[in-house]
């Protein structure tokens, strides 16, 4: 019997039909053990497995164990993650979501008894272990075994589709569809030094504008509070003698404000007494851990934060809800008990989503913030994941893997080892779900001392040019469940050459991005079948090739029309985007779509505008066509 306190207990209503009849052709085994229960799914020869949440250390999961456990510092390719999810997809046309908040262990492609290698040995000693392992895998009948601890049952959702994109899209619809983001959320965000005062924040904002750096959001780090570990949620009167006046000044310059915090509530906080009976039986950094599975706890938190929304705080960065058992010991134990009936294990897997739900109640309009823990059925929540880790390769991998599980990931930029490193990192972030510069320990903009301000300005301007295109991709995420950024194998599951490509991804439906790190002078690119055009050089490409360029390699599908906007320094409710229609290859008969609404109101009515390569003008308050460019 499934236990209570599972992700579907807290998720929005599905936007897809859910049947109680299992699809034909998928073998499912089930057994109950003393330790819990086990599901088994037969896996065909040469199939691959993806998913399990945000994965920074690995891509495909065939022949791997995946431990679905939150961890702020995932050490290796084990499955532990800022956002572990008990959902996987296969290249066979099916995927499985197990509705549990337990720490599930998945064994992907292990051999059952009496189903092993057939034939006799010739007695030879094998020394090429890579070959012998590959041979044995090909000859064995294998299964994906999912071990769910404690409980003796769980609901499972089997999703089928023509390709991985179809399966993942249905999973996101099961989660209530993709998130609704504001137009300004797709611009650039800049987080200030953690100890900046209001005067220093305003000075930084002024410098950003005077240098022509496009930016929509200014983020404040722990120093805005009188106490931050744990949190008071009270403005520090020394650094911020009049925080409302500061917020108003930022608003007049076109900035939204994003505040850092975590949920652990300090004894000096006005919330402490109200949360006493609504929190778990362990503290973190001396602060209460609110039980956000309780509606009352969510409302207490939201009501306290609501006045900040009125003053101009439009987003939050929700930190340290992932926990660290091994590097600092700042978390609550799995044996913790919460008044909702949840134990610490399940609350770890639900914490980030429930915290995000609480903070959404404090905001009257759309938001797009950050969170450091998420999990199952997270697609509808407007938060991008981030990390205190900083490997550029891992960050690129995260952009690709997050799309398998309905998650958004920002490969945020902090410092850089060199001018080249800074440029390569910013190239990646502007072609990601959230363009975030997190200078929380830097007194000045990180590119100034490296002497690449002009290059960074052009890249951040490019991000602004991509907003109409990306906003349409997010609308498809909201309504159809299609991840706006995703690995190549999602769309092209049948093309085996793409199954191991972790360092390229679709950006919307018609662009492929192949980021480079500072250590790479050239890189190998693998494109899906068909013709593609270089976004920057206009050359035709196809197949597999090596490329050497100072730009980030970006390719556009032949026949595509990309609406590029003249960059603005920020997005406001009355911004009009001046569009150039960029046509790649033969676009006769092709169309592009752009979504129009006010950009901030929740549930606002949207209009989809269709553009042809010959479109001269549109009747729109949001868009104006000023030209076209052809690449043939």
Foldseek 3Di string as FASTA:
>chain_A
DDDPLWVVVPFDAFQDDADPDDDPDWDWDKDADPFAIKIKTWDAFPKWKAAQAQFLAAGIAAQAKAWQAFAQCPPHRRNHFLAGAQKMDMLVFKIKHWGGLFGKIKGHQDADPPFFADDDDPPDDDDPVVVVVSVRSRRGGTIIMIGGGDYHDTDMGMAGDPFLLQRLLSQLSNRVFFAAAFLQQLAEEEEAAQQAALVLQVVQLVVCVVLLFFHAEYEHHQNQAPDAQAGQPHGDCVRYVPVLVSLVVCVVVRYAYEYEHEQFHAPNHPCQVVQVQQFKPDGFSNGTHGDLVDPSSLQSLLVVLQVVQVSGHFYYAHPDLRDHCDPPNGDDDQQIAGPVGHGNSSCNNCVQVSNLVSNVSSHQKGHAEAYSHYYASRRHGRHAHEHPDQDLSSQLLSQARNQSGNHFYANEAEAAPALLQRLLSQLVRLLGSGNYHYPRNDSHRRCVVRPCSVSSSVSSLQSQQQSQVQSVLSVCRRNRVRPQKYQPCRVVVVPVVRSRPSQWIHRGDWKIWRGDGSVDQKDKDADPAAWKAWPPPLDIDHGIDMDGDSHTTMIGGALDWRWTFRGDSGDDLQAATATETEHHHDNVVHKDWGKDDSRMHPPTDIDIDIDGQPDQADPGSHYGYDYYHYRD
